[in-house]
Amino acid sequence: MAKKSWIARNEKRKRTVEKYAEKRRELKEAGDYEGLQKLPRDASPTRVRNRCSLTGRSRGYIREYGVSRIKFRELALNGKIPGVRKASW
């Protein structure tokens, strides 16, 4: 489980990105890069980290399912993810 502060910080960044998305788009279209630099640093979408929705783990994130590799394996073995089963050949 990730620290609560890391998860909270990432959620705050997501809110900031949403807040400034329209303004960033307008500034980019206008080519006003000085105006972009005056926006908060966390307004950039690249600052948001993909995290597991269950544990908050940042590494081993599977984008299609929104969980980390560890939780994905647990859920798949328990049959909680439809259409996924353990490979055998």
PDB file of N, CA and C in Angstrom:
ATOM      1  N   MET A   1       0.844  -1.183   0.000  1.00  0.00           N
ATOM      2  CA  MET A   1       0.000   0.000   0.000  1.00  0.00           C
ATOM      3  C   MET A   1       0.886   1.242   0.000  1.00  0.00           C
ATOM      4  N   ALA A   2       0.593   2.148  -0.911  1.00  0.00           N
ATOM      5  CA  ALA A   2       1.348   3.396  -0.999  1.00  0.00           C
ATOM      6  C   ALA A   2       0.964   4.310   0.171  1.00  0.00           C
ATOM      7  N   LYS A   3       1.858   5.255   0.459  1.00  0.00           N
ATOM      8  CA  LYS A   3       1.561   6.206   1.515  1.00  0.00           C
ATOM      9  C   LYS A   3       0.356   7.053   1.124  1.00  0.00           C
ATOM     10  N   LYS A   4      -0.464   7.364   2.105  1.00  0.00           N
ATOM     11  CA  LYS A   4      -1.669   8.157   1.852  1.00  0.00           C
ATOM     12  C   LYS A   4      -1.317   9.533   1.274  1.00  0.00           C
ATOM     13  N   SER A   5      -0.179  10.081   1.699  1.00  0.00           N
ATOM     14  CA  SER A   5       0.212  11.405   1.211  1.00  0.00           C
ATOM     15  C   SER A   5       0.540  11.380  -0.274  1.00  0.00           C
ATOM     16  N   TRP A   6       1.148  10.286  -0.755  1.00  0.00           N
ATOM     17  CA  TRP A   6       1.466  10.172  -2.186  1.00  0.00           C
ATOM     18  C   TRP A   6       0.191  10.079  -3.013  1.00  0.00           C
ATOM     19  N   ILE A   7      -0.763   9.292  -2.516  1.00  0.00           N
ATOM     20  CA  ILE A   7      -2.033   9.128  -3.220  1.00  0.00           C
ATOM     21  C   ILE A   7      -2.782  10.461  -3.249  1.00  0.00           C
ATOM     22  N   ALA A   8      -2.806  11.155  -2.115  1.00  0.00           N
ATOM     23  CA  ALA A   8      -3.503  12.444  -2.016  1.00  0.00           C
ATOM     24  C   ALA A   8      -2.847  13.484  -2.921  1.00  0.00           C
ATOM     25  N   ARG A   9      -1.526  13.490  -2.979  1.00  0.00           N
ATOM     26  CA  ARG A   9      -0.803  14.443  -3.822  1.00  0.00           C
ATOM     27  C   ARG A   9      -1.135  14.207  -5.298  1.00  0.00           C
ATOM     28  N   ASN A  10      -1.219  12.940  -5.683  1.00  0.00           N
ATOM     29  CA  ASN A  10      -1.546  12.610  -7.067  1.00  0.00           C
ATOM     30  C   ASN A  10      -2.979  13.019  -7.406  1.00  0.00           C
ATOM     31  N   GLU A  11      -3.904  12.841  -6.455  1.00  0.00           N
ATOM     32  CA  GLU A  11      -5.286  13.253  -6.682  1.00  0.00           C
ATOM     33  C   GLU A  11      -5.381  14.773  -6.832  1.00  0.00           C
ATOM     34  N   LYS A  12      -4.596  15.488  -6.041  1.00  0.00           N
ATOM     35  CA  LYS A  12      -4.570  16.946  -6.137  1.00  0.00           C
ATOM     36  C   LYS A  12      -4.046  17.378  -7.503  1.00  0.00           C
ATOM     37  N   ARG A  13      -3.030  16.674  -8.001  1.00  0.00           N
ATOM     38  CA  ARG A  13      -2.498  16.974  -9.329  1.00  0.00           C
ATOM     39  C   ARG A  13      -3.556  16.738 -10.405  1.00  0.00           C
ATOM     40  N   LYS A  14      -4.335  15.663 -10.270  1.00  0.00           N
ATOM     41  CA  LYS A  14      -5.390  15.380 -11.246  1.00  0.00           C
ATOM     42  C   LYS A  14      -6.404  16.519 -11.290  1.00  0.00           C
ATOM     43  N   ARG A  15      -6.778  17.021 -10.110  1.00  0.00           N
ATOM     44  CA  ARG A  15      -7.730  18.137 -10.054  1.00  0.00           C
ATOM     45  C   ARG A  15      -7.142  19.390 -10.699  1.00  0.00           C
ATOM     46  N   THR A  16      -5.856  19.648 -10.465  1.00  0.00           N
ATOM     47  CA  THR A  16      -5.195  20.816 -11.040  1.00  0.00           C
ATOM     48  C   THR A  16      -5.127  20.718 -12.556  1.00  0.00           C
ATOM     49  N   VAL A  17      -4.838  19.523 -13.064  1.00  0.00           N
ATOM     50  CA  VAL A  17      -4.786  19.315 -14.517  1.00  0.00           C
ATOM     51  C   VAL A  17      -6.148  19.610 -15.129  1.00  0.00           C
ATOM     52  N   GLU A  18      -7.215  19.109 -14.503  1.00  0.00           N
ATOM     53  CA  GLU A  18      -8.571  19.347 -15.017  1.00  0.00           C
ATOM     54  C   GLU A  18      -8.909  20.840 -14.987  1.00  0.00           C
ATOM     55  N   LYS A  19      -8.493  21.511 -13.928  1.00  0.00           N
ATOM     56  CA  LYS A  19      -8.807  22.928 -13.756  1.00  0.00           C
ATOM     57  C   LYS A  19      -8.179  23.779 -14.859  1.00  0.00           C
ATOM     58  N   TYR A  20      -6.936  23.485 -15.220  1.00  0.00           N
ATOM     59  CA  TYR A  20      -6.195  24.312 -16.175  1.00  0.00           C
ATOM     60  C   TYR A  20      -6.162  23.737 -17.593  1.00  0.00           C
ATOM     61  N   ALA A  21      -6.881  22.653 -17.872  1.00  0.00           N
ATOM     62  CA  ALA A  21      -6.810  21.996 -19.183  1.00  0.00           C
ATOM     63  C   ALA A  21      -7.209  22.943 -20.312  1.00  0.00           C
ATOM     64  N   GLU A  22      -8.309  23.634 -20.141  1.00  0.00           N
ATOM     65  CA  GLU A  22      -8.799  24.530 -21.197  1.00  0.00           C
ATOM     66  C   GLU A  22      -7.825  25.691 -21.419  1.00  0.00           C
ATOM     67  N   LYS A  23      -7.330  26.258 -20.332  1.00  0.00           N
ATOM     68  CA  LYS A  23      -6.407  27.385 -20.446  1.00  0.00           C
ATOM     69  C   LYS A  23      -5.100  26.953 -21.110  1.00  0.00           C
ATOM     70  N   ARG A  24      -4.612  25.767 -20.766  1.00  0.00           N
ATOM     71  CA  ARG A  24      -3.381  25.251 -21.388  1.00  0.00           C
ATOM     72  C   ARG A  24      -3.582  25.059 -22.884  1.00  0.00           C
ATOM     73  N   ARG A  25      -4.750  24.531 -23.263  1.00  0.00           N
ATOM     74  CA  ARG A  25      -5.027  24.299 -24.680  1.00  0.00           C
ATOM     75  C   ARG A  25      -5.038  25.618 -25.448  1.00  0.00           C
ATOM     76  N   GLU A  26      -5.675  26.635 -24.877  1.00  0.00           N
ATOM     77  CA  GLU A  26      -5.732  27.944 -25.530  1.00  0.00           C
ATOM     78  C   GLU A  26      -4.345  28.555 -25.668  1.00  0.00           C
ATOM     79  N   LEU A  27      -3.543  28.468 -24.615  1.00  0.00           N
ATOM     80  CA  LEU A  27      -2.197  29.035 -24.667  1.00  0.00           C
ATOM     81  C   LEU A  27      -1.320  28.310 -25.680  1.00  0.00           C
ATOM     82  N   LYS A  28      -1.473  26.988 -25.774  1.00  0.00           N
ATOM     83  CA  LYS A  28      -0.693  26.224 -26.749  1.00  0.00           C
ATOM     84  C   LYS A  28      -1.077  26.594 -28.171  1.00  0.00           C
ATOM     85  N   GLU A  29      -2.382  26.734 -28.437  1.00  0.00           N
ATOM     86  CA  GLU A  29      -2.835  27.106 -29.779  1.00  0.00           C
ATOM     87  C   GLU A  29      -2.345  28.496 -30.160  1.00  0.00           C
ATOM     88  N   ALA A  30      -2.287  29.401 -29.188  1.00  0.00           N
ATOM     89  CA  ALA A  30      -1.818  30.757 -29.445  1.00  0.00           C
ATOM     90  C   ALA A  30      -0.295  30.818 -29.542  1.00  0.00           C
ATOM     91  N   GLY A  31       0.380  29.775 -29.080  1.00  0.00           N
ATOM     92  CA  GLY A  31       1.841  29.761 -29.107  1.00  0.00           C
ATOM     93  C   GLY A  31       2.460  30.595 -27.991  1.00  0.00           C
ATOM     94  N   ASP A  32       1.693  30.859 -26.953  1.00  0.00           N
ATOM     95  CA  ASP A  32       2.163  31.684 -25.825  1.00  0.00           C
ATOM     96  C   ASP A  32       2.849  30.792 -24.785  1.00  0.00           C
ATOM     97  N   TYR A  33       4.110  30.509 -25.028  1.00  0.00           N
ATOM     98  CA  TYR A  33       4.841  29.611 -24.135  1.00  0.00           C
ATOM     99  C   TYR A  33       5.244  30.298 -22.834  1.00  0.00           C
ATOM    100  N   GLU A  34       5.355  31.613 -22.854  1.00  0.00           N
ATOM    101  CA  GLU A  34       5.635  32.342 -21.611  1.00  0.00           C
ATOM    102  C   GLU A  34       4.423  32.267 -20.681  1.00  0.00           C
ATOM    103  N   GLY A  35       3.249  32.328 -21.248  1.00  0.00           N
ATOM    104  CA  GLY A  35       2.022  32.192 -20.463  1.00  0.00           C
ATOM    105  C   GLY A  35       1.889  30.795 -19.876  1.00  0.00           C
ATOM    106  N   LEU A  36       2.319  29.792 -20.646  1.00  0.00           N
ATOM    107  CA  LEU A  36       2.290  28.413 -20.147  1.00  0.00           C
ATOM    108  C   LEU A  36       3.210  28.252 -18.945  1.00  0.00           C
ATOM    109  N   GLN A  37       4.355  28.910 -18.990  1.00  0.00           N
ATOM    110  CA  GLN A  37       5.309  28.793 -17.886  1.00  0.00           C
ATOM    111  C   GLN A  37       4.795  29.439 -16.611  1.00  0.00           C
ATOM    112  N   LYS A  38       3.876  30.386 -16.741  1.00  0.00           N
ATOM    113  CA  LYS A  38       3.334  31.067 -15.557  1.00  0.00           C
ATOM    114  C   LYS A  38       2.264  30.250 -14.850  1.00  0.00           C
ATOM    115  N   LEU A  39       1.743  29.224 -15.536  1.00  0.00           N
ATOM    116  CA  LEU A  39       0.772  28.344 -14.892  1.00  0.00           C
ATOM    117  C   LEU A  39       1.464  27.490 -13.836  1.00  0.00           C
ATOM    118  N   PRO A  40       0.710  26.919 -12.900  1.00  0.00           N
ATOM    119  CA  PRO A  40       1.328  26.040 -11.902  1.00  0.00           C
ATOM    120  C   PRO A  40       1.995  24.836 -12.561  1.00  0.00           C
ATOM    121  N   ARG A  41       3.056  24.371 -11.980  1.00  0.00           N
ATOM    122  CA  ARG A  41       3.806  23.249 -12.526  1.00  0.00           C
ATOM    123  C   ARG A  41       2.942  21.995 -12.597  1.00  0.00           C
ATOM    124  N   ASP A  42       2.083  21.806 -11.608  1.00  0.00           N
ATOM    125  CA  ASP A  42       1.241  20.613 -11.568  1.00  0.00           C
ATOM    126  C   ASP A  42       0.073  20.667 -12.552  1.00  0.00           C
ATOM    127  N   ALA A  43      -0.043  21.740 -13.322  1.00  0.00           N
ATOM    128  CA  ALA A  43      -1.111  21.840 -14.319  1.00  0.00           C
ATOM    129  C   ALA A  43      -0.797  20.997 -15.551  1.00  0.00           C
ATOM    130  N   SER A  44       0.437  20.532 -15.664  1.00  0.00           N
ATOM    131  CA  SER A  44       0.827  19.704 -16.806  1.00  0.00           C
ATOM    132  C   SER A  44       0.377  18.266 -16.591  1.00  0.00           C
ATOM    133  N   PRO A  45      -0.262  17.650 -17.603  1.00  0.00           N
ATOM    134  CA  PRO A  45      -0.749  16.272 -17.429  1.00  0.00           C
ATOM    135  C   PRO A  45       0.368  15.245 -17.260  1.00  0.00           C
ATOM    136  N   THR A  46       1.575  15.583 -17.646  1.00  0.00           N
ATOM    137  CA  THR A  46       2.668  14.616 -17.487  1.00  0.00           C
ATOM    138  C   THR A  46       3.094  14.465 -16.033  1.00  0.00           C
ATOM    139  N   ARG A  47       2.639  15.361 -15.161  1.00  0.00           N
ATOM    140  CA  ARG A  47       2.987  15.266 -13.738  1.00  0.00           C
ATOM    141  C   ARG A  47       2.133  14.235 -12.996  1.00  0.00           C
ATOM    142  N   VAL A  48       1.027  13.813 -13.597  1.00  0.00           N
ATOM    143  CA  VAL A  48       0.140  12.841 -12.959  1.00  0.00           C
ATOM    144  C   VAL A  48       0.727  11.445 -13.142  1.00  0.00           C
ATOM    145  N   ARG A  49       0.749  10.682 -12.067  1.00  0.00           N
ATOM    146  CA  ARG A  49       1.324   9.343 -12.074  1.00  0.00           C
ATOM    147  C   ARG A  49       0.190   8.322 -12.110  1.00  0.00           C
ATOM    148  N   ASN A  50       0.334   7.298 -12.953  1.00  0.00           N
ATOM    149  CA  ASN A  50      -0.644   6.211 -12.961  1.00  0.00           C
ATOM    150  C   ASN A  50      -0.471   5.387 -11.695  1.00  0.00           C
ATOM    151  N   ARG A  51      -1.567   5.207 -10.965  1.00  0.00           N
ATOM    152  CA  ARG A  51      -1.506   4.440  -9.722  1.00  0.00           C
ATOM    153  C   ARG A  51      -2.623   3.409  -9.685  1.00  0.00           C
ATOM    154  N   CYS A  52      -2.340   2.290  -9.012  1.00  0.00           N
ATOM    155  CA  CYS A  52      -3.328   1.225  -8.834  1.00  0.00           C
ATOM    156  C   CYS A  52      -4.527   1.789  -8.077  1.00  0.00           C
ATOM    157  N   SER A  53      -5.727   1.486  -8.566  1.00  0.00           N
ATOM    158  CA  SER A  53      -6.922   2.018  -7.923  1.00  0.00           C
ATOM    159  C   SER A  53      -7.215   1.346  -6.587  1.00  0.00           C
ATOM    160  N   LEU A  54      -6.635   0.174  -6.347  1.00  0.00           N
ATOM    161  CA  LEU A  54      -6.878  -0.551  -5.101  1.00  0.00           C
ATOM    162  C   LEU A  54      -5.825  -0.272  -4.041  1.00  0.00           C
ATOM    163  N   THR A  55      -4.545  -0.240  -4.436  1.00  0.00           N
ATOM    164  CA  THR A  55      -3.471  -0.106  -3.459  1.00  0.00           C
ATOM    165  C   THR A  55      -2.703   1.205  -3.549  1.00  0.00           C
ATOM    166  N   GLY A  56      -2.770   1.885  -4.688  1.00  0.00           N
ATOM    167  CA  GLY A  56      -2.010   3.112  -4.870  1.00  0.00           C
ATOM    168  C   GLY A  56      -0.604   2.870  -5.380  1.00  0.00           C
ATOM    169  N   ARG A  57      -0.261   1.617  -5.656  1.00  0.00           N
ATOM    170  CA  ARG A  57       1.078   1.280  -6.144  1.00  0.00           C
ATOM    171  C   ARG A  57       1.296   1.934  -7.509  1.00  0.00           C
ATOM    172  N   SER A  58       2.491   2.521  -7.706  1.00  0.00           N
ATOM    173  CA  SER A  58       2.757   3.249  -8.942  1.00  0.00           C
ATOM    174  C   SER A  58       3.494   2.404  -9.977  1.00  0.00           C
ATOM    175  N   ARG A  59       4.206   1.413  -9.546  1.00  0.00           N
ATOM    176  CA  ARG A  59       4.967   0.598 -10.499  1.00  0.00           C
ATOM    177  C   ARG A  59       4.193  -0.660 -10.855  1.00  0.00           C
ATOM    178  N   GLY A  60       4.429  -1.161 -12.057  1.00  0.00           N
ATOM    179  CA  GLY A  60       3.748  -2.362 -12.501  1.00  0.00           C
ATOM    180  C   GLY A  60       2.276  -2.121 -12.755  1.00  0.00           C
ATOM    181  N   TYR A  61       1.940  -0.933 -13.230  1.00  0.00           N
ATOM    182  CA  TYR A  61       0.552  -0.533 -13.459  1.00  0.00           C
ATOM    183  C   TYR A  61       0.091  -1.064 -14.813  1.00  0.00           C
ATOM    184  N   ILE A  62      -1.049  -1.739 -14.839  1.00  0.00           N
ATOM    185  CA  ILE A  62      -1.634  -2.237 -16.089  1.00  0.00           C
ATOM    186  C   ILE A  62      -2.757  -1.283 -16.465  1.00  0.00           C
ATOM    187  N   ARG A  63      -2.516  -0.497 -17.494  1.00  0.00           N
ATOM    188  CA  ARG A  63      -3.418   0.593 -17.869  1.00  0.00           C
ATOM    189  C   ARG A  63      -4.820   0.104 -18.231  1.00  0.00           C
ATOM    190  N   GLU A  64      -4.910  -0.993 -18.943  1.00  0.00           N
ATOM    191  CA  GLU A  64      -6.202  -1.496 -19.405  1.00  0.00           C
ATOM    192  C   GLU A  64      -7.150  -1.816 -18.251  1.00  0.00           C
ATOM    193  N   TYR A  65      -6.599  -2.273 -17.128  1.00  0.00           N
ATOM    194  CA  TYR A  65      -7.417  -2.679 -15.981  1.00  0.00           C
ATOM    195  C   TYR A  65      -7.355  -1.682 -14.826  1.00  0.00           C
ATOM    196  N   GLY A  66      -6.391  -0.773 -14.829  1.00  0.00           N
ATOM    197  CA  GLY A  66      -6.298   0.243 -13.791  1.00  0.00           C
ATOM    198  C   GLY A  66      -5.782  -0.259 -12.456  1.00  0.00           C
ATOM    199  N   VAL A  67      -5.087  -1.416 -12.465  1.00  0.00           N
ATOM    200  CA  VAL A  67      -4.538  -1.976 -11.232  1.00  0.00           C
ATOM    201  C   VAL A  67      -3.080  -2.375 -11.448  1.00  0.00           C
ATOM    202  N   SER A  68      -2.383  -2.633 -10.360  1.00  0.00           N
ATOM    203  CA  SER A  68      -0.998  -3.067 -10.452  1.00  0.00           C
ATOM    204  C   SER A  68      -0.934  -4.547 -10.827  1.00  0.00           C
ATOM    205  N   ARG A  69       0.233  -4.981 -11.216  1.00  0.00           N
ATOM    206  CA  ARG A  69       0.421  -6.371 -11.650  1.00  0.00           C
ATOM    207  C   ARG A  69       0.098  -7.361 -10.537  1.00  0.00           C
ATOM    208  N   ILE A  70       0.367  -6.986  -9.308  1.00  0.00           N
ATOM    209  CA  ILE A  70       0.134  -7.882  -8.172  1.00  0.00           C
ATOM    210  C   ILE A  70      -1.369  -8.070  -7.951  1.00  0.00           C
ATOM    211  N   LYS A  71      -2.106  -6.962  -7.897  1.00  0.00           N
ATOM    212  CA  LYS A  71      -3.551  -7.035  -7.710  1.00  0.00           C
ATOM    213  C   LYS A  71      -4.224  -7.666  -8.921  1.00  0.00           C
ATOM    214  N   PHE A  72      -3.687  -7.401 -10.117  1.00  0.00           N
ATOM    215  CA  PHE A  72      -4.247  -8.015 -11.322  1.00  0.00           C
ATOM    216  C   PHE A  72      -4.169  -9.529 -11.225  1.00  0.00           C
ATOM    217  N   ARG A  73      -3.030 -10.038 -10.790  1.00  0.00           N
ATOM    218  CA  ARG A  73      -2.849 -11.488 -10.676  1.00  0.00           C
ATOM    219  C   ARG A  73      -3.810 -12.076  -9.649  1.00  0.00           C
ATOM    220  N   GLU A  74      -3.933 -11.410  -8.503  1.00  0.00           N
ATOM    221  CA  GLU A  74      -4.850 -11.883  -7.464  1.00  0.00           C
ATOM    222  C   GLU A  74      -6.292 -11.926  -7.973  1.00  0.00           C
ATOM    223  N   LEU A  75      -6.709 -10.837  -8.623  1.00  0.00           N
ATOM    224  CA  LEU A  75      -8.081 -10.767  -9.119  1.00  0.00           C
ATOM    225  C   LEU A  75      -8.329 -11.787 -10.228  1.00  0.00           C
ATOM    226  N   ALA A  76      -7.339 -11.988 -11.100  1.00  0.00           N
ATOM    227  CA  ALA A  76      -7.497 -12.939 -12.196  1.00  0.00           C
ATOM    228  C   ALA A  76      -7.589 -14.366 -11.659  1.00  0.00           C
ATOM    229  N   LEU A  77      -6.769 -14.708 -10.677  1.00  0.00           N
ATOM    230  CA  LEU A  77      -6.792 -16.054 -10.114  1.00  0.00           C
ATOM    231  C   LEU A  77      -8.092 -16.324  -9.353  1.00  0.00           C
ATOM    232  N   ASN A  78      -8.676 -15.285  -8.777  1.00  0.00           N
ATOM    233  CA  ASN A  78      -9.951 -15.437  -8.069  1.00  0.00           C
ATOM    234  C   ASN A  78     -11.150 -15.372  -9.005  1.00  0.00           C
ATOM    235  N   GLY A  79     -10.907 -15.111 -10.292  1.00  0.00           N
ATOM    236  CA  GLY A  79     -11.987 -15.039 -11.266  1.00  0.00           C
ATOM    237  C   GLY A  79     -12.784 -13.757 -11.208  1.00  0.00           C
ATOM    238  N   LYS A  80     -12.200 -12.687 -10.683  1.00  0.00           N
ATOM    239  CA  LYS A  80     -12.918 -11.418 -10.535  1.00  0.00           C
ATOM    240  C   LYS A  80     -12.847 -10.561 -11.804  1.00  0.00           C
ATOM    241  N   ILE A  81     -11.918 -10.885 -12.719  1.00  0.00           N
ATOM    242  CA  ILE A  81     -11.801 -10.129 -13.964  1.00  0.00           C
ATOM    243  C   ILE A  81     -12.368 -10.989 -15.089  1.00  0.00           C
ATOM    244  N   PRO A  82     -13.479 -10.588 -15.686  1.00  0.00           N
ATOM    245  CA  PRO A  82     -14.104 -11.404 -16.723  1.00  0.00           C
ATOM    246  C   PRO A  82     -13.212 -11.530 -17.957  1.00  0.00           C
ATOM    247  N   GLY A  83     -13.152 -12.730 -18.502  1.00  0.00           N
ATOM    248  CA  GLY A  83     -12.403 -12.982 -19.717  1.00  0.00           C
ATOM    249  C   GLY A  83     -10.928 -13.228 -19.517  1.00  0.00           C
ATOM    250  N   VAL A  84     -10.453 -13.227 -18.270  1.00  0.00           N
ATOM    251  CA  VAL A  84      -9.039 -13.433 -17.994  1.00  0.00           C
ATOM    252  C   VAL A  84      -8.895 -14.732 -17.208  1.00  0.00           C
ATOM    253  N   ARG A  85      -7.991 -15.592 -17.673  1.00  0.00           N
ATOM    254  CA  ARG A  85      -7.708 -16.791 -16.902  1.00  0.00           C
ATOM    255  C   ARG A  85      -6.251 -17.157 -17.064  1.00  0.00           C
ATOM    256  N   LYS A  86      -5.760 -17.985 -16.186  1.00  0.00           N
ATOM    257  CA  LYS A  86      -4.356 -18.362 -16.168  1.00  0.00           C
ATOM    258  C   LYS A  86      -4.027 -19.187 -17.416  1.00  0.00           C
ATOM    259  N   ALA A  87      -2.910 -18.840 -18.034  1.00  0.00           N
ATOM    260  CA  ALA A  87      -2.505 -19.551 -19.244  1.00  0.00           C
ATOM    261  C   ALA A  87      -1.964 -20.931 -18.896  1.00  0.00           C
ATOM    262  N   SER A  88      -2.259 -21.894 -19.776  1.00  0.00           N
ATOM    263  CA  SER A  88      -1.676 -23.224 -19.631  1.00  0.00           C
ATOM    264  C   SER A  88      -1.564 -23.843 -21.014  1.00  0.00           C
ATOM    265  N   TRP A  89      -0.403 -24.395 -21.307  1.00  0.00           N
ATOM    266  CA  TRP A  89      -0.210 -25.029 -22.610  1.00  0.00           C
ATOM    267  C   TRP A  89       0.707 -26.209 -22.506  1.00  0.00           C
TER     268      TRP A  89
END
